[in-house]
C-alpha cells in the first residue's frame, strides 16, 4: 500500500514538472530569421535603422500569473529576428539612428497565443518606413501573422511554444521583407 502511494506521489510530481516546463519558451533568433531575398530583387544600397517594437503586451490572466506564463511574443526577440533577416537578405544595411537613410518602426497591435496542446499565435503589427531626411512616411502597412503548432510538432509544451514563436517571427519577417523589396526606393 505504501508503495502505491509513493508511485502516485511520484507520478503527481512528474505531472507538475511537465506542466511547468510546458509553460516556458525561449525562441531562438537564428531559426526565426528569414534568409532569402525575393527573386529578381536587388538590394537597396541604403542604411536602415530598426526601431524598438512597441505595444502589444496584454495583461496576464490569473491562470497565467499562477503559472508565470508571459502570453506575449517577446518584442525584443521579434526585433532582433527582423534585424537578422534584413542582414541575411542584404536588402538594406543595418545602421544606427543617426547614420541611416530610413527608419522602420513597429507598433504591435495584437501579440498573443492561445491553447495548451494545440497552440495558436496572432502577431499583428503596424509597420512604418520613414525617410530619415524628410521625416516622411514612405510605406505603412499592417501585417498579420498567424501560426499553429500541435502535439505532432512537439510533445513537450516548451518545445511547441518555441517552434510556434520561431515560425511566427519567420513568417512576419518574410512578409515585411517582401513588402519592403517591392517598394520603389532609390538604389543608391
Protein backbone atom coordinates (compact mmCIF):
# COMPACT_ATOMS: atom_id res chain seq x y z
CA UNK A 1 0.00 0.00 0.00
CA UNK A 2 2.84 2.40 0.86
CA UNK A 3 4.48 1.55 -2.43
CA UNK A 4 1.35 2.59 -4.39
CA UNK A 5 1.14 5.91 -2.52
CA UNK A 6 4.79 6.57 -3.33
CA UNK A 7 4.18 5.82 -7.02
CA UNK A 8 1.14 8.13 -7.10
CA UNK A 9 3.12 10.87 -5.37
CA UNK A 10 5.99 10.44 -7.82
CA UNK A 11 3.57 10.47 -10.77
CA UNK A 12 1.95 13.65 -9.42
CA UNK A 13 5.32 15.41 -9.08
CA UNK A 14 6.28 14.40 -12.62
CA UNK A 15 2.97 15.73 -13.98
CA UNK A 16 3.51 19.06 -12.21
CA UNK A 17 7.04 19.31 -13.64
CA UNK A 18 5.74 18.53 -17.12
CA UNK A 19 3.08 21.24 -16.79
CA UNK A 20 5.62 23.80 -15.55
CA UNK A 21 8.08 23.10 -18.36
CA UNK A 22 5.31 23.29 -20.93
CA UNK A 23 4.65 26.91 -19.89
CA UNK A 24 8.11 28.24 -20.65
CA UNK A 25 9.62 29.10 -24.01
CA UNK A 26 12.68 30.69 -25.45
CA UNK A 27 12.56 31.44 -29.16
CA UNK A 28 15.83 31.08 -30.99
CA UNK A 29 16.64 34.07 -33.13
CA UNK A 30 18.54 32.21 -35.85
CA UNK A 31 15.67 29.83 -36.52
CA UNK A 32 13.23 32.74 -36.72
CA UNK A 33 15.22 34.79 -39.23
CA UNK A 34 14.02 34.79 -42.83
CA UNK A 35 17.06 34.26 -45.04
CA UNK A 36 16.00 34.71 -48.68
CA UNK A 37 15.64 37.85 -50.76
CA UNK A 38 12.67 37.59 -53.15
CA UNK A 39 13.62 36.65 -56.72
CA UNK A 40 14.54 39.42 -59.17
CA UNK A 41 15.07 41.93 -56.36
CA UNK A 42 18.26 43.89 -56.00
CA UNK A 43 19.25 45.12 -52.54
CA UNK A 44 18.94 48.80 -51.78
CA UNK A 45 22.27 50.49 -51.13
CA UNK A 46 20.63 52.31 -48.26
CA UNK A 47 21.01 52.16 -44.50
CA UNK A 48 18.07 51.34 -42.24
CA UNK A 49 17.50 51.58 -38.51
CA UNK A 50 15.04 49.12 -36.95
CA UNK A 51 13.39 50.89 -34.03
CA UNK A 52 12.17 49.09 -30.89
CA UNK A 53 8.92 47.20 -31.28
CA UNK A 54 6.27 48.98 -29.20
CA UNK A 55 2.91 47.96 -27.75
CA UNK A 56 1.38 44.53 -27.93
CA UNK A 57 1.60 43.29 -24.39
CA UNK A 58 -1.72 42.16 -22.98
CA UNK A 59 -2.31 41.85 -19.22
CA UNK A 60 -1.72 38.39 -17.79
CA UNK A 61 -4.79 36.41 -16.72
CA UNK A 62 -4.98 34.93 -13.22
CA UNK A 63 -4.14 31.49 -14.61
CA UNK A 64 -1.13 32.87 -16.46
CA UNK A 65 0.07 34.67 -13.34
CA UNK A 66 -0.25 31.43 -11.39
CA UNK A 67 1.97 29.57 -13.85
CA UNK A 68 4.21 32.59 -14.54
CA UNK A 69 3.48 32.44 -18.26
CA UNK A 70 4.13 35.51 -20.38
CA UNK A 71 1.45 35.29 -23.04
CA UNK A 72 3.11 37.79 -25.37
CA UNK A 73 5.65 37.18 -28.04
CA UNK A 74 8.89 38.69 -26.81
CA UNK A 75 9.14 42.01 -28.64
CA UNK A 76 12.90 42.31 -28.25
CA UNK A 77 13.35 38.89 -29.87
CA UNK A 78 10.97 39.88 -32.68
CA UNK A 79 13.09 42.99 -33.36
CA UNK A 80 16.36 41.05 -33.28
CA UNK A 81 14.86 38.44 -35.59
CA UNK A 82 13.86 41.13 -38.11
CA UNK A 83 17.33 42.70 -37.95
CA UNK A 84 18.92 39.29 -38.61
CA UNK A 85 16.52 38.71 -41.50
CA UNK A 86 17.36 42.05 -43.14
CA UNK A 87 21.06 41.38 -42.61
CA UNK A 88 20.75 37.89 -44.11
CA UNK A 89 18.90 39.11 -47.19
CA UNK A 90 21.14 42.19 -47.52
CA UNK A 91 18.07 44.20 -48.56
CA UNK A 92 19.38 47.15 -46.52
CA UNK A 93 22.45 47.81 -44.44
CA UNK A 94 21.60 47.98 -40.73
CA UNK A 95 22.68 51.27 -39.15
CA UNK A 96 22.33 53.39 -36.02
CA UNK A 97 19.61 56.05 -35.89
CA UNK A 98 21.98 58.95 -36.62
CA UNK A 99 23.55 57.26 -39.63
CA UNK A 100 20.55 55.86 -41.51
CA UNK A 101 18.58 56.72 -44.62
CA UNK A 102 15.38 55.09 -43.34
CA UNK A 103 13.86 54.14 -40.02
CA UNK A 104 11.47 51.20 -39.66
CA UNK A 105 9.03 51.43 -36.75
CA UNK A 106 6.78 48.64 -35.49
CA UNK A 107 3.69 49.17 -33.38
CA UNK A 108 2.42 45.79 -32.22
CA UNK A 109 -1.38 45.75 -32.18
CA UNK A 110 -2.02 42.09 -31.27
CA UNK A 111 0.56 39.82 -29.75
CA UNK A 112 -0.76 36.68 -28.13
CA UNK A 113 -1.11 32.94 -28.13
CA UNK A 114 -3.90 30.61 -27.09
CA UNK A 115 -4.21 26.94 -26.24
CA UNK A 116 -2.29 24.25 -24.44
CA UNK A 117 -1.93 21.16 -26.63
CA UNK A 118 -2.79 22.90 -29.89
CA UNK A 119 -1.41 26.43 -29.67
CA UNK A 120 -2.17 29.34 -31.99
CA UNK A 121 -0.41 32.67 -32.27
CA UNK A 122 -1.54 36.00 -33.67
CA UNK A 123 1.03 38.73 -34.31
CA UNK A 124 -0.47 41.90 -35.82
CA UNK A 125 2.00 44.74 -36.41
CA UNK A 126 1.68 48.18 -37.99
CA UNK A 127 4.96 48.97 -39.74
CA UNK A 128 6.12 52.36 -40.98
CA UNK A 129 9.17 53.07 -43.10
CA UNK A 130 10.20 56.68 -42.54
CA UNK A 131 12.63 58.65 -44.71
CA UNK A 132 15.19 59.97 -42.24
CA UNK A 133 15.98 63.06 -44.33
CA UNK A 134 12.41 64.28 -44.87
CA UNK A 135 10.79 62.57 -41.86
CA UNK A 136 8.04 61.49 -44.27
CA UNK A 137 6.35 58.10 -44.23
CA UNK A 138 7.43 56.12 -47.31
CA UNK A 139 5.47 52.94 -46.54
CA UNK A 140 2.90 51.94 -43.94
CA UNK A 141 1.09 48.65 -43.58
CA UNK A 142 -0.46 46.34 -41.01
CA UNK A 143 0.90 42.82 -41.28
CA UNK A 144 -0.94 39.96 -39.59
CA UNK A 145 0.89 36.70 -38.97
CA UNK A 146 -0.79 33.59 -37.63
CA UNK A 147 0.58 30.15 -36.91
CA UNK A 148 -0.43 26.94 -35.17
CA UNK A 149 1.52 24.09 -33.59
CA UNK A 150 0.17 20.81 -32.24
CA UNK A 151 1.49 17.89 -30.22
CA UNK A 152 2.55 16.37 -33.56
CA UNK A 153 5.07 19.23 -33.92
CA UNK A 154 6.45 18.78 -30.39
CA UNK A 155 5.03 16.83 -27.47
CA UNK A 156 6.64 18.90 -24.72
CA UNK A 157 4.85 22.24 -24.43
CA UNK A 158 8.03 24.32 -24.12
CA UNK A 159 9.30 22.99 -27.44
CA UNK A 160 5.90 23.56 -29.06
CA UNK A 161 5.85 27.18 -27.89
CA UNK A 162 9.42 27.71 -29.10
CA UNK A 163 8.53 26.33 -32.54
CA UNK A 164 5.38 28.47 -32.61
CA UNK A 165 7.18 31.73 -31.91
CA UNK A 166 10.05 30.96 -34.28
CA UNK A 167 7.58 30.23 -37.08
CA UNK A 168 5.55 33.36 -36.26
CA UNK A 169 8.65 35.59 -36.37
CA UNK A 170 9.86 33.99 -39.60
CA UNK A 171 6.51 34.41 -41.38
CA UNK A 172 6.27 38.03 -40.20
CA UNK A 173 9.83 38.76 -41.32
CA UNK A 174 9.15 37.21 -44.71
CA UNK A 175 6.10 39.41 -45.25
CA UNK A 176 7.97 42.57 -44.16
CA UNK A 177 10.94 41.83 -46.44
CA UNK A 178 8.68 41.07 -49.41
CA UNK A 179 6.79 44.34 -48.87
CA UNK A 180 9.98 46.37 -48.46
CA UNK A 181 11.58 44.70 -51.52
CA UNK A 182 8.59 45.75 -53.61
CA UNK A 183 8.98 49.44 -52.78
CA UNK A 184 10.24 51.85 -55.41
CA UNK A 185 13.13 53.31 -53.39
CA UNK A 186 16.33 54.80 -54.83
CA UNK A 187 19.03 52.15 -55.20
CA UNK A 188 21.83 54.45 -54.06
